[in-house]
Amino acid sequence: MRHADNADRIRRDIARIEDSLASEVRTVAATFDHVLDILRRRGYVDQWSLTPTGSLLAGIFHECDMLIAEAVARGIFDGLSVPDLAAVVSALVYERRATDDVDHPFPSASVQASIERLEELSLEIRDDEESSGLPVHRFPDNGLSRAASVWASGGNLAKVLAVLPDMGAGDFVRYIRQIVDLLRQLERTSLNPALATCARKAADSIYRGLVVGTEGRQ
């Protein structure tokens, strides 16, 4: 009797696990279909092949990968100076605290124009993600743009913290390293040689001083 009870319990456990796995498989399949649908609608996939923009997207590893790929394709990053490119890219990695409701100024008119174009594109993609039943990406934030521009222009940490007095040095270093990583990805994936060169110069200009830290000695 005891063995029979154990067998019944094991059969019930197996049935519950199988039902759970089947549900997860259905969820994954549905998510894949939604992702493929938005990729087709936005021109990343043609039948079962990647378009040029799709190949660009495949080389971007970031939570805002679709926004970044389309921004590159639409030329939002083109024609910017080194400090301005660092400032614009910062909007894709920075996320202000919930208590920060300050209206941060832009470092230049060209940065403002580019980030505003990023915001418009972001809203467009977010609408598409919502209609596809997918999680929406994080909206761009210009809160770090002035500090990134100051650092890319050769400013020291004191000047940076004067722009963002509530930010600690550790947080600044973390954000700058994320900007460097994204700039390196733009350098590798962009089909525009001018943008690739500017991205390389921008990454080099901000990867210095305390940002390098122990990494530079390894």
C-alpha atoms as a PDB file:
ATOM      1  CA  MET A   1       0.000   0.000   0.000  1.00  0.00           C
ATOM      2  CA  ARG A   2       2.807   2.364   0.892  1.00  0.00           C
ATOM      3  CA  HIS A   3       4.606   1.674  -2.394  1.00  0.00           C
ATOM      4  CA  ALA A   4       1.358   2.147  -4.308  1.00  0.00           C
ATOM      5  CA  ASP A   5       0.788   5.516  -2.651  1.00  0.00           C
ATOM      6  CA  ASN A   6       4.340   6.561  -3.522  1.00  0.00           C
ATOM      7  CA  ALA A   7       3.816   5.481  -7.130  1.00  0.00           C
ATOM      8  CA  ASP A   8       0.600   7.523  -7.372  1.00  0.00           C
ATOM      9  CA  ARG A   9       2.354  10.557  -5.921  1.00  0.00           C
ATOM     10  CA  ILE A  10       5.238  10.199  -8.379  1.00  0.00           C
ATOM     11  CA  ARG A  11       2.802   9.894 -11.302  1.00  0.00           C
ATOM     12  CA  ARG A  12       1.024  13.071 -10.172  1.00  0.00           C
ATOM     13  CA  ASP A  13       4.351  14.895  -9.869  1.00  0.00           C
ATOM     14  CA  ILE A  14       5.392  13.755 -13.343  1.00  0.00           C
ATOM     15  CA  ALA A  15       2.064  14.903 -14.806  1.00  0.00           C
ATOM     16  CA  ARG A  16       2.387  18.318 -13.098  1.00  0.00           C
ATOM     17  CA  ILE A  17       5.954  18.769 -14.374  1.00  0.00           C
ATOM     18  CA  GLU A  18       4.969  17.738 -17.897  1.00  0.00           C
ATOM     19  CA  ASP A  19       2.087  20.242 -17.874  1.00  0.00           C
ATOM     20  CA  SER A  20       4.434  22.972 -16.648  1.00  0.00           C
ATOM     21  CA  LEU A  21       7.006  22.193 -19.334  1.00  0.00           C
ATOM     22  CA  ALA A  22       4.354  22.141 -22.045  1.00  0.00           C
ATOM     23  CA  SER A  23       3.112  25.543 -20.884  1.00  0.00           C
ATOM     24  CA  GLU A  24       6.649  26.963 -20.956  1.00  0.00           C
ATOM     25  CA  VAL A  25       7.212  25.598 -24.462  1.00  0.00           C
ATOM     26  CA  ARG A  26       4.004  27.257 -25.649  1.00  0.00           C
ATOM     27  CA  THR A  27       5.078  30.537 -24.045  1.00  0.00           C
ATOM     28  CA  VAL A  28       8.531  30.425 -25.657  1.00  0.00           C
ATOM     29  CA  ALA A  29       7.028  29.577 -29.046  1.00  0.00           C
ATOM     30  CA  ALA A  30       4.534  32.437 -28.786  1.00  0.00           C
ATOM     31  CA  THR A  31       7.287  34.886 -27.787  1.00  0.00           C
ATOM     32  CA  PHE A  32       9.424  33.736 -30.710  1.00  0.00           C
ATOM     33  CA  ASP A  33       6.513  34.332 -33.081  1.00  0.00           C
ATOM     34  CA  HIS A  34       5.990  37.847 -31.673  1.00  0.00           C
ATOM     35  CA  VAL A  35       9.688  38.665 -32.005  1.00  0.00           C
ATOM     36  CA  LEU A  36       9.834  37.345 -35.562  1.00  0.00           C
ATOM     37  CA  ASP A  37       6.713  39.337 -36.423  1.00  0.00           C
ATOM     38  CA  ILE A  38       8.165  42.660 -35.270  1.00  0.00           C
ATOM     39  CA  LEU A  39      11.496  41.903 -36.962  1.00  0.00           C
ATOM     40  CA  ARG A  40       9.687  41.342 -40.255  1.00  0.00           C
ATOM     41  CA  ARG A  41       7.496  44.423 -39.915  1.00  0.00           C
ATOM     42  CA  ARG A  42      10.461  46.677 -39.163  1.00  0.00           C
ATOM     43  CA  GLY A  43      12.581  45.335 -42.016  1.00  0.00           C
ATOM     44  CA  TYR A  44      15.150  43.240 -40.166  1.00  0.00           C
ATOM     45  CA  VAL A  45      14.125  39.937 -41.707  1.00  0.00           C
ATOM     46  CA  ASP A  46      13.093  39.074 -45.264  1.00  0.00           C
ATOM     47  CA  GLN A  47      11.636  35.581 -45.352  1.00  0.00           C
ATOM     48  CA  TRP A  48      14.299  33.680 -43.381  1.00  0.00           C
ATOM     49  CA  SER A  49      17.235  35.951 -44.214  1.00  0.00           C
ATOM     50  CA  LEU A  50      18.605  38.993 -42.423  1.00  0.00           C
ATOM     51  CA  THR A  51      18.465  42.328 -44.207  1.00  0.00           C
ATOM     52  CA  PRO A  52      21.450  44.712 -43.887  1.00  0.00           C
ATOM     53  CA  THR A  53      19.723  46.337 -40.909  1.00  0.00           C
ATOM     54  CA  GLY A  54      19.094  42.882 -39.486  1.00  0.00           C
ATOM     55  CA  SER A  55      22.787  42.057 -39.724  1.00  0.00           C
ATOM     56  CA  LEU A  56      23.535  45.317 -37.921  1.00  0.00           C
ATOM     57  CA  LEU A  57      21.040  44.395 -35.193  1.00  0.00           C
ATOM     58  CA  ALA A  58      22.652  40.973 -34.794  1.00  0.00           C
ATOM     59  CA  GLY A  59      25.932  42.661 -33.874  1.00  0.00           C
ATOM     60  CA  ILE A  60      24.435  44.877 -31.132  1.00  0.00           C
ATOM     61  CA  PHE A  61      24.253  43.450 -27.610  1.00  0.00           C
ATOM     62  CA  HIS A  62      22.240  45.897 -25.537  1.00  0.00           C
ATOM     63  CA  GLU A  63      18.796  46.147 -23.964  1.00  0.00           C
ATOM     64  CA  CYS A  64      17.953  48.856 -26.535  1.00  0.00           C
ATOM     65  CA  ASP A  65      19.442  46.915 -29.458  1.00  0.00           C
ATOM     66  CA  MET A  66      16.578  47.590 -31.879  1.00  0.00           C
ATOM     67  CA  LEU A  67      16.582  51.304 -31.094  1.00  0.00           C
ATOM     68  CA  ILE A  68      20.352  51.466 -31.602  1.00  0.00           C
ATOM     69  CA  ALA A  69      20.284  49.549 -34.889  1.00  0.00           C
ATOM     70  CA  GLU A  70      17.542  51.742 -36.346  1.00  0.00           C
ATOM     71  CA  ALA A  71      19.260  54.893 -35.079  1.00  0.00           C
ATOM     72  CA  VAL A  72      22.395  53.852 -36.957  1.00  0.00           C
ATOM     73  CA  ALA A  73      20.387  52.989 -40.076  1.00  0.00           C
ATOM     74  CA  ARG A  74      18.591  56.343 -39.975  1.00  0.00           C
ATOM     75  CA  GLY A  75      21.803  58.313 -39.521  1.00  0.00           C
ATOM     76  CA  ILE A  76      20.939  59.712 -36.083  1.00  0.00           C
ATOM     77  CA  PHE A  77      24.580  59.365 -34.984  1.00  0.00           C
ATOM     78  CA  ASP A  78      26.070  60.705 -38.227  1.00  0.00           C
ATOM     79  CA  GLY A  79      27.938  64.003 -38.351  1.00  0.00           C
ATOM     80  CA  LEU A  80      28.430  64.357 -34.600  1.00  0.00           C
ATOM     81  CA  SER A  81      31.677  65.454 -33.015  1.00  0.00           C
ATOM     82  CA  VAL A  82      33.504  63.091 -30.663  1.00  0.00           C
ATOM     83  CA  PRO A  83      32.146  64.707 -27.456  1.00  0.00           C
ATOM     84  CA  ASP A  84      28.653  64.953 -28.943  1.00  0.00           C
ATOM     85  CA  LEU A  85      28.609  61.285 -29.957  1.00  0.00           C
ATOM     86  CA  ALA A  86      29.635  60.257 -26.440  1.00  0.00           C
ATOM     87  CA  ALA A  87      26.878  62.486 -25.068  1.00  0.00           C
ATOM     88  CA  VAL A  88      24.199  61.033 -27.357  1.00  0.00           C
ATOM     89  CA  VAL A  89      25.227  57.442 -26.668  1.00  0.00           C
ATOM     90  CA  SER A  90      25.043  58.177 -22.931  1.00  0.00           C
ATOM     91  CA  ALA A  91      21.262  58.553 -23.305  1.00  0.00           C
ATOM     92  CA  LEU A  92      21.106  54.842 -24.162  1.00  0.00           C
ATOM     93  CA  VAL A  93      22.875  53.646 -21.009  1.00  0.00           C
ATOM     94  CA  TYR A  94      21.954  56.183 -18.324  1.00  0.00           C
ATOM     95  CA  GLU A  95      18.944  55.689 -16.096  1.00  0.00           C
ATOM     96  CA  ARG A  96      18.247  58.363 -13.531  1.00  0.00           C
ATOM     97  CA  ARG A  97      16.928  57.690 -10.068  1.00  0.00           C
ATOM     98  CA  ALA A  98      13.193  57.807  -9.515  1.00  0.00           C
ATOM     99  CA  THR A  99      13.671  60.878  -7.299  1.00  0.00           C
ATOM    100  CA  ASP A 100      15.582  62.784  -9.993  1.00  0.00           C
ATOM    101  CA  ASP A 101      13.059  65.073 -11.660  1.00  0.00           C
ATOM    102  CA  VAL A 102      15.614  67.711 -12.709  1.00  0.00           C
ATOM    103  CA  ASP A 103      15.410  69.008 -16.278  1.00  0.00           C
ATOM    104  CA  HIS A 104      19.015  68.335 -17.321  1.00  0.00           C
ATOM    105  CA  PRO A 105      20.289  70.694 -20.049  1.00  0.00           C
ATOM    106  CA  PHE A 106      21.884  69.394 -23.224  1.00  0.00           C
ATOM    107  CA  PRO A 107      25.574  70.123 -23.873  1.00  0.00           C
ATOM    108  CA  SER A 108      24.922  71.347 -27.421  1.00  0.00           C
ATOM    109  CA  ALA A 109      22.173  71.910 -29.964  1.00  0.00           C
ATOM    110  CA  SER A 110      23.363  68.960 -32.050  1.00  0.00           C
ATOM    111  CA  VAL A 111      23.163  66.630 -29.042  1.00  0.00           C
ATOM    112  CA  GLN A 112      19.661  67.870 -28.279  1.00  0.00           C
ATOM    113  CA  ALA A 113      18.543  67.309 -31.880  1.00  0.00           C
ATOM    114  CA  SER A 114      19.992  63.794 -31.977  1.00  0.00           C
ATOM    115  CA  ILE A 115      18.565  62.735 -28.607  1.00  0.00           C
ATOM    116  CA  GLU A 116      15.157  64.134 -29.533  1.00  0.00           C
ATOM    117  CA  ARG A 117      15.269  62.033 -32.711  1.00  0.00           C
ATOM    118  CA  LEU A 118      16.220  59.048 -30.553  1.00  0.00           C
ATOM    119  CA  GLU A 119      13.230  59.713 -28.310  1.00  0.00           C
ATOM    120  CA  GLU A 120      10.840  59.894 -31.267  1.00  0.00           C
ATOM    121  CA  LEU A 121      12.209  56.637 -32.668  1.00  0.00           C
ATOM    122  CA  SER A 122      12.027  55.037 -29.225  1.00  0.00           C
ATOM    123  CA  LEU A 123       8.327  55.888 -28.883  1.00  0.00           C
ATOM    124  CA  GLU A 124       7.674  54.425 -32.324  1.00  0.00           C
ATOM    125  CA  ILE A 125       9.434  51.156 -31.478  1.00  0.00           C
ATOM    126  CA  ARG A 126       7.836  50.957 -28.021  1.00  0.00           C
ATOM    127  CA  ASP A 127       4.384  51.196 -29.628  1.00  0.00           C
ATOM    128  CA  ASP A 128       5.355  48.355 -31.946  1.00  0.00           C
ATOM    129  CA  GLU A 129       6.673  46.266 -29.048  1.00  0.00           C
ATOM    130  CA  GLU A 130       3.482  46.780 -27.061  1.00  0.00           C
ATOM    131  CA  SER A 131       1.278  45.855 -30.014  1.00  0.00           C
ATOM    132  CA  SER A 132       3.357  42.688 -30.450  1.00  0.00           C
ATOM    133  CA  GLY A 133       2.919  41.716 -26.806  1.00  0.00           C
ATOM    134  CA  LEU A 134       6.630  42.150 -26.049  1.00  0.00           C
ATOM    135  CA  PRO A 135       8.351  43.978 -23.171  1.00  0.00           C
ATOM    136  CA  VAL A 136       9.207  47.571 -24.099  1.00  0.00           C
ATOM    137  CA  HIS A 137      12.782  48.811 -24.034  1.00  0.00           C
ATOM    138  CA  ARG A 138      13.963  51.563 -21.698  1.00  0.00           C
ATOM    139  CA  PHE A 139      13.351  55.113 -22.902  1.00  0.00           C
ATOM    140  CA  PRO A 140      16.469  57.270 -23.601  1.00  0.00           C
ATOM    141  CA  ASP A 141      17.580  59.634 -20.838  1.00  0.00           C
ATOM    142  CA  ASN A 142      19.736  62.722 -21.452  1.00  0.00           C
ATOM    143  CA  GLY A 143      20.660  63.145 -17.780  1.00  0.00           C
ATOM    144  CA  LEU A 144      24.282  62.098 -18.309  1.00  0.00           C
ATOM    145  CA  SER A 145      24.856  63.842 -21.639  1.00  0.00           C
ATOM    146  CA  ARG A 146      26.590  66.970 -20.292  1.00  0.00           C
ATOM    147  CA  ALA A 147      28.879  64.971 -18.020  1.00  0.00           C
ATOM    148  CA  ALA A 148      29.776  62.581 -20.850  1.00  0.00           C
ATOM    149  CA  SER A 149      30.550  65.521 -23.130  1.00  0.00           C
ATOM    150  CA  VAL A 150      32.744  67.162 -20.490  1.00  0.00           C
ATOM    151  CA  TRP A 151      34.671  63.928 -19.918  1.00  0.00           C
ATOM    152  CA  ALA A 152      35.053  63.251 -23.663  1.00  0.00           C
ATOM    153  CA  SER A 153      36.383  66.792 -24.096  1.00  0.00           C
ATOM    154  CA  GLY A 154      39.198  66.090 -21.612  1.00  0.00           C
ATOM    155  CA  GLY A 155      37.574  67.475 -18.466  1.00  0.00           C
ATOM    156  CA  ASN A 156      38.583  66.099 -15.088  1.00  0.00           C
ATOM    157  CA  LEU A 157      36.397  64.355 -12.527  1.00  0.00           C
ATOM    158  CA  ALA A 158      35.835  67.573 -10.577  1.00  0.00           C
ATOM    159  CA  LYS A 159      34.253  69.195 -13.645  1.00  0.00           C
ATOM    160  CA  VAL A 160      32.092  66.119 -14.234  1.00  0.00           C
ATOM    161  CA  LEU A 161      30.835  66.015 -10.655  1.00  0.00           C
ATOM    162  CA  ALA A 162      30.138  69.749 -10.807  1.00  0.00           C
ATOM    163  CA  VAL A 163      27.702  68.962 -13.625  1.00  0.00           C
ATOM    164  CA  LEU A 164      26.195  66.006 -11.721  1.00  0.00           C
ATOM    165  CA  PRO A 165      26.824  66.722  -8.032  1.00  0.00           C
ATOM    166  CA  ASP A 166      24.560  63.868  -6.861  1.00  0.00           C
ATOM    167  CA  MET A 167      26.498  61.207  -8.762  1.00  0.00           C
ATOM    168  CA  GLY A 168      29.299  59.304  -7.078  1.00  0.00           C
ATOM    169  CA  ALA A 169      32.588  58.535  -8.791  1.00  0.00           C
ATOM    170  CA  GLY A 170      31.804  54.806  -8.819  1.00  0.00           C
ATOM    171  CA  ASP A 171      28.495  55.307 -10.641  1.00  0.00           C
ATOM    172  CA  PHE A 172      30.170  57.625 -13.145  1.00  0.00           C
ATOM    173  CA  VAL A 173      32.870  55.045 -13.902  1.00  0.00           C
ATOM    174  CA  ARG A 174      30.251  52.328 -14.370  1.00  0.00           C
ATOM    175  CA  TYR A 175      28.247  54.415 -16.825  1.00  0.00           C
ATOM    176  CA  ILE A 176      31.307  55.516 -18.785  1.00  0.00           C
ATOM    177  CA  ARG A 177      32.417  51.899 -19.197  1.00  0.00           C
ATOM    178  CA  GLN A 178      28.963  51.061 -20.555  1.00  0.00           C
ATOM    179  CA  ILE A 179      29.258  53.947 -23.011  1.00  0.00           C
ATOM    180  CA  VAL A 180      32.687  52.691 -24.091  1.00  0.00           C
ATOM    181  CA  ASP A 181      31.258  49.228 -24.706  1.00  0.00           C
ATOM    182  CA  LEU A 182      28.427  50.598 -26.830  1.00  0.00           C
ATOM    183  CA  LEU A 183      30.768  52.861 -28.797  1.00  0.00           C
ATOM    184  CA  ARG A 184      33.004  49.854 -29.541  1.00  0.00           C
ATOM    185  CA  GLN A 185      29.957  48.007 -30.838  1.00  0.00           C
ATOM    186  CA  LEU A 186      29.090  50.939 -33.097  1.00  0.00           C
ATOM    187  CA  GLU A 187      32.669  50.952 -34.339  1.00  0.00           C
ATOM    188  CA  ARG A 188      32.477  47.234 -35.215  1.00  0.00           C
ATOM    189  CA  THR A 189      29.011  47.149 -36.763  1.00  0.00           C
ATOM    190  CA  SER A 190      28.524  50.482 -38.525  1.00  0.00           C
ATOM    191  CA  LEU A 191      28.737  50.407 -42.307  1.00  0.00           C
ATOM    192  CA  ASN A 192      29.473  54.145 -42.248  1.00  0.00           C
ATOM    193  CA  PRO A 193      33.282  54.552 -42.023  1.00  0.00           C
ATOM    194  CA  ALA A 194      32.938  58.091 -40.652  1.00  0.00           C
ATOM    195  CA  LEU A 195      30.694  56.904 -37.814  1.00  0.00           C
ATOM    196  CA  ALA A 196      32.973  53.958 -37.067  1.00  0.00           C
ATOM    197  CA  THR A 197      35.980  56.293 -36.835  1.00  0.00           C
ATOM    198  CA  CYS A 198      34.129  58.776 -34.648  1.00  0.00           C
ATOM    199  CA  ALA A 199      32.918  55.971 -32.368  1.00  0.00           C
ATOM    200  CA  ARG A 200      36.489  54.703 -31.971  1.00  0.00           C
ATOM    201  CA  LYS A 201      37.783  58.182 -31.149  1.00  0.00           C
ATOM    202  CA  ALA A 202      34.938  58.773 -28.702  1.00  0.00           C
ATOM    203  CA  ALA A 203      35.611  55.483 -26.920  1.00  0.00           C
ATOM    204  CA  ASP A 204      39.317  56.290 -26.702  1.00  0.00           C
ATOM    205  CA  SER A 205      38.617  59.795 -25.401  1.00  0.00           C
ATOM    206  CA  ILE A 206      36.525  58.619 -22.431  1.00  0.00           C
ATOM    207  CA  TYR A 207      38.427  55.430 -21.570  1.00  0.00           C
ATOM    208  CA  ARG A 208      41.052  57.119 -19.454  1.00  0.00           C
ATOM    209  CA  GLY A 209      41.984  58.012 -15.905  1.00  0.00           C
ATOM    210  CA  LEU A 210      39.958  56.417 -13.152  1.00  0.00           C
ATOM    211  CA  VAL A 211      37.660  54.804 -15.758  1.00  0.00           C
ATOM    212  CA  VAL A 212      40.519  52.486 -16.730  1.00  0.00           C
ATOM    213  CA  GLY A 213      41.355  51.703 -13.106  1.00  0.00           C
ATOM    214  CA  THR A 214      42.687  48.191 -12.540  1.00  0.00           C
ATOM    215  CA  GLU A 215      41.575  47.109 -16.017  1.00  0.00           C
ATOM    216  CA  GLY A 216      44.342  49.162 -17.536  1.00  0.00           C
ATOM    217  CA  ARG A 217      46.993  47.327 -15.465  1.00  0.00           C
ATOM    218  CA  GLN A 218      45.881  43.805 -16.304  1.00  0.00           C
END
